[in-house]
Amino acid sequence: MAKIDLTNLTAQELDDLIEKAARRRASLQPEITRNHPEGELLIAQDPLWYTFLDGANTILQIRDPGRGWITAQIPPHERANLLSVLLRQALSAPQTKVPEAAVPTTSTGGGTVH
């Protein structure tokens, strides 16, 4: 197999190569596992995202700094499932602790904080 020298590719050439590789990989067997990945992950911190309706489905696009915009079509039943999971996580997420110095205290003079 011929090696591709990535160091000399422009951003556009690399984007085109990633797109072609992703399309080719999607057509190959075995398919990418349906199990979520484990171990060390490449994570896009606070990515940009965009969503819109396409008929009954939702289109969700997430910007990955290395892979570009990844687009998924989510059917109504999975959209409801995703909403439920995200809402549950939002409601159970630990609150960030406010530093003690930032918390105003009041006292009646007897040393009891109210």
C-alpha atoms as a PDB file:
ATOM      1  CA  MET A   1       0.000   0.000   0.000  1.00  0.00           C
ATOM      2  CA  ALA A   2       1.334   3.427  -0.963  1.00  0.00           C
ATOM      3  CA  LYS A   3       2.047   5.781   1.920  1.00  0.00           C
ATOM      4  CA  ILE A   4       0.544   9.264   1.740  1.00  0.00           C
ATOM      5  CA  ASP A   5       2.779  12.095   2.922  1.00  0.00           C
ATOM      6  CA  LEU A   6       0.364  14.230   4.943  1.00  0.00           C
ATOM      7  CA  THR A   7       2.961  16.863   5.843  1.00  0.00           C
ATOM      8  CA  ASN A   8       2.834  18.565   2.438  1.00  0.00           C
ATOM      9  CA  LEU A   9      -0.951  18.654   1.993  1.00  0.00           C
ATOM     10  CA  THR A  10      -2.838  21.916   2.223  1.00  0.00           C
ATOM     11  CA  ALA A  11      -5.847  22.175   4.525  1.00  0.00           C
ATOM     12  CA  GLN A  12      -8.198  21.784   1.523  1.00  0.00           C
ATOM     13  CA  GLU A  13      -6.301  18.775   0.183  1.00  0.00           C
ATOM     14  CA  LEU A  14      -6.379  17.151   3.617  1.00  0.00           C
ATOM     15  CA  ASP A  15     -10.109  17.911   4.002  1.00  0.00           C
ATOM     16  CA  ASP A  16     -10.740  16.252   0.609  1.00  0.00           C
ATOM     17  CA  LEU A  17      -8.672  13.221   1.609  1.00  0.00           C
ATOM     18  CA  ILE A  18     -10.504  12.843   4.938  1.00  0.00           C
ATOM     19  CA  GLU A  19     -13.868  13.073   3.145  1.00  0.00           C
ATOM     20  CA  LYS A  20     -12.873  10.458   0.554  1.00  0.00           C
ATOM     21  CA  ALA A  21     -11.458   8.175   3.265  1.00  0.00           C
ATOM     22  CA  ALA A  22     -14.644   8.480   5.349  1.00  0.00           C
ATOM     23  CA  ARG A  23     -16.845   7.658   2.341  1.00  0.00           C
ATOM     24  CA  ARG A  24     -14.635   4.690   1.438  1.00  0.00           C
ATOM     25  CA  ARG A  25     -14.576   3.401   5.036  1.00  0.00           C
ATOM     26  CA  ALA A  26     -18.382   3.582   5.237  1.00  0.00           C
ATOM     27  CA  SER A  27     -18.597   1.153   2.296  1.00  0.00           C
ATOM     28  CA  LEU A  28     -16.258  -1.476   3.797  1.00  0.00           C
ATOM     29  CA  GLN A  29     -16.849  -4.533   5.960  1.00  0.00           C
ATOM     30  CA  PRO A  30     -16.678  -5.058   8.813  1.00  0.00           C
ATOM     31  CA  GLU A  31     -18.677  -1.930   9.577  1.00  0.00           C
ATOM     32  CA  ILE A  32     -17.535   0.362  12.372  1.00  0.00           C
ATOM     33  CA  THR A  33     -18.642  -1.112  15.672  1.00  0.00           C
ATOM     34  CA  ARG A  34     -21.932   0.062  17.124  1.00  0.00           C
ATOM     35  CA  ASN A  35     -20.426  -0.061  20.617  1.00  0.00           C
ATOM     36  CA  HIS A  36     -19.255   3.273  21.950  1.00  0.00           C
ATOM     37  CA  PRO A  37     -15.464   3.745  21.943  1.00  0.00           C
ATOM     38  CA  GLU A  38     -13.497   3.251  25.141  1.00  0.00           C
ATOM     39  CA  GLY A  39      -9.984   4.081  26.242  1.00  0.00           C
ATOM     40  CA  GLU A  40      -8.156   7.232  25.237  1.00  0.00           C
ATOM     41  CA  LEU A  41     -10.451   9.441  23.166  1.00  0.00           C
ATOM     42  CA  LEU A  42      -9.834  12.451  20.960  1.00  0.00           C
ATOM     43  CA  ILE A  43     -12.391  14.904  22.352  1.00  0.00           C
ATOM     44  CA  ALA A  44     -13.555  18.171  20.794  1.00  0.00           C
ATOM     45  CA  GLN A  45     -13.998  20.556  23.737  1.00  0.00           C
ATOM     46  CA  ASP A  46     -17.211  22.610  23.646  1.00  0.00           C
ATOM     47  CA  PRO A  47     -17.779  22.034  19.914  1.00  0.00           C
ATOM     48  CA  LEU A  48     -19.914  24.194  17.710  1.00  0.00           C
ATOM     49  CA  TRP A  49     -23.156  22.511  16.711  1.00  0.00           C
ATOM     50  CA  TYR A  50     -26.154  23.183  14.532  1.00  0.00           C
ATOM     51  CA  THR A  51     -29.486  21.428  14.199  1.00  0.00           C
ATOM     52  CA  PHE A  52     -32.526  21.692  11.957  1.00  0.00           C
ATOM     53  CA  LEU A  53     -35.569  19.672  10.956  1.00  0.00           C
ATOM     54  CA  ASP A  54     -35.595  17.643   7.749  1.00  0.00           C
ATOM     55  CA  GLY A  55     -39.161  16.394   7.430  1.00  0.00           C
ATOM     56  CA  ALA A  56     -39.821  14.343  10.577  1.00  0.00           C
ATOM     57  CA  ASN A  57     -36.103  13.902  11.254  1.00  0.00           C
ATOM     58  CA  THR A  58     -33.561  16.118  12.964  1.00  0.00           C
ATOM     59  CA  ILE A  59     -30.253  16.888  11.314  1.00  0.00           C
ATOM     60  CA  LEU A  60     -27.495  17.364  13.895  1.00  0.00           C
ATOM     61  CA  GLN A  61     -24.128  18.748  12.841  1.00  0.00           C
ATOM     62  CA  ILE A  62     -21.149  18.864  15.213  1.00  0.00           C
ATOM     63  CA  ARG A  63     -17.873  20.567  14.346  1.00  0.00           C
ATOM     64  CA  ASP A  64     -14.802  18.470  15.070  1.00  0.00           C
ATOM     65  CA  PRO A  65     -11.571  20.483  14.719  1.00  0.00           C
ATOM     66  CA  GLY A  66      -9.796  17.614  12.940  1.00  0.00           C
ATOM     67  CA  ARG A  67     -12.591  15.946  11.014  1.00  0.00           C
ATOM     68  CA  GLY A  68     -14.734  18.939  10.105  1.00  0.00           C
ATOM     69  CA  TRP A  69     -18.517  19.016  10.338  1.00  0.00           C
ATOM     70  CA  ILE A  70     -19.990  15.606  11.145  1.00  0.00           C
ATOM     71  CA  THR A  71     -23.639  15.297  10.164  1.00  0.00           C
ATOM     72  CA  ALA A  72     -26.187  12.852  11.578  1.00  0.00           C
ATOM     73  CA  GLN A  73     -29.844  12.336  10.707  1.00  0.00           C
ATOM     74  CA  ILE A  74     -31.818  11.480  13.846  1.00  0.00           C
ATOM     75  CA  PRO A  75     -35.303   9.937  13.519  1.00  0.00           C
ATOM     76  CA  PRO A  76     -38.091  11.135  15.858  1.00  0.00           C
ATOM     77  CA  HIS A  77     -37.895   8.214  18.320  1.00  0.00           C
ATOM     78  CA  GLU A  78     -34.126   8.667  18.750  1.00  0.00           C
ATOM     79  CA  ARG A  79     -34.545  12.452  19.020  1.00  0.00           C
ATOM     80  CA  ALA A  80     -36.918  11.866  21.963  1.00  0.00           C
ATOM     81  CA  ASN A  81     -34.436   9.415  23.496  1.00  0.00           C
ATOM     82  CA  LEU A  82     -31.565  11.899  23.095  1.00  0.00           C
ATOM     83  CA  LEU A  83     -33.662  14.665  24.644  1.00  0.00           C
ATOM     84  CA  SER A  84     -34.458  12.453  27.611  1.00  0.00           C
ATOM     85  CA  VAL A  85     -30.816  11.481  28.175  1.00  0.00           C
ATOM     86  CA  LEU A  86     -29.504  15.060  27.832  1.00  0.00           C
ATOM     87  CA  LEU A  87     -32.221  16.424  30.131  1.00  0.00           C
ATOM     88  CA  ARG A  88     -31.485  13.768  32.744  1.00  0.00           C
ATOM     89  CA  GLN A  89     -27.754  14.566  32.557  1.00  0.00           C
ATOM     90  CA  ALA A  90     -28.400  18.321  32.740  1.00  0.00           C
ATOM     91  CA  LEU A  91     -30.533  17.906  35.845  1.00  0.00           C
ATOM     92  CA  SER A  92     -28.080  15.577  37.579  1.00  0.00           C
ATOM     93  CA  ALA A  93     -24.822  17.285  36.611  1.00  0.00           C
ATOM     94  CA  PRO A  94     -22.813  18.357  39.647  1.00  0.00           C
ATOM     95  CA  GLN A  95     -22.915  22.076  40.252  1.00  0.00           C
ATOM     96  CA  THR A  96     -19.632  23.931  40.226  1.00  0.00           C
ATOM     97  CA  LYS A  97     -18.640  24.860  43.748  1.00  0.00           C
ATOM     98  CA  VAL A  98     -18.429  28.565  44.535  1.00  0.00           C
ATOM     99  CA  PRO A  99     -15.210  29.445  46.379  1.00  0.00           C
ATOM    100  CA  GLU A 100     -15.842  30.132  50.085  1.00  0.00           C
ATOM    101  CA  ALA A 101     -14.464  33.672  49.794  1.00  0.00           C
ATOM    102  CA  ALA A 102     -17.115  34.491  47.208  1.00  0.00           C
ATOM    103  CA  VAL A 103     -20.028  33.412  49.411  1.00  0.00           C
ATOM    104  CA  PRO A 104     -21.402  36.375  51.380  1.00  0.00           C
ATOM    105  CA  THR A 105     -21.953  35.668  55.036  1.00  0.00           C
ATOM    106  CA  THR A 106     -24.256  37.412  57.455  1.00  0.00           C
ATOM    107  CA  SER A 107     -24.065  37.246  61.190  1.00  0.00           C
ATOM    108  CA  THR A 108     -26.171  38.300  64.135  1.00  0.00           C
ATOM    109  CA  GLY A 109     -23.067  38.914  66.139  1.00  0.00           C
ATOM    110  CA  GLY A 110     -23.253  35.568  67.932  1.00  0.00           C
ATOM    111  CA  GLY A 111     -21.084  33.752  65.428  1.00  0.00           C
ATOM    112  CA  THR A 112     -24.030  31.988  63.749  1.00  0.00           C
ATOM    113  CA  VAL A 113     -24.210  32.348  59.988  1.00  0.00           C
ATOM    114  CA  HIS A 114     -27.775  32.635  58.638  1.00  0.00           C
END
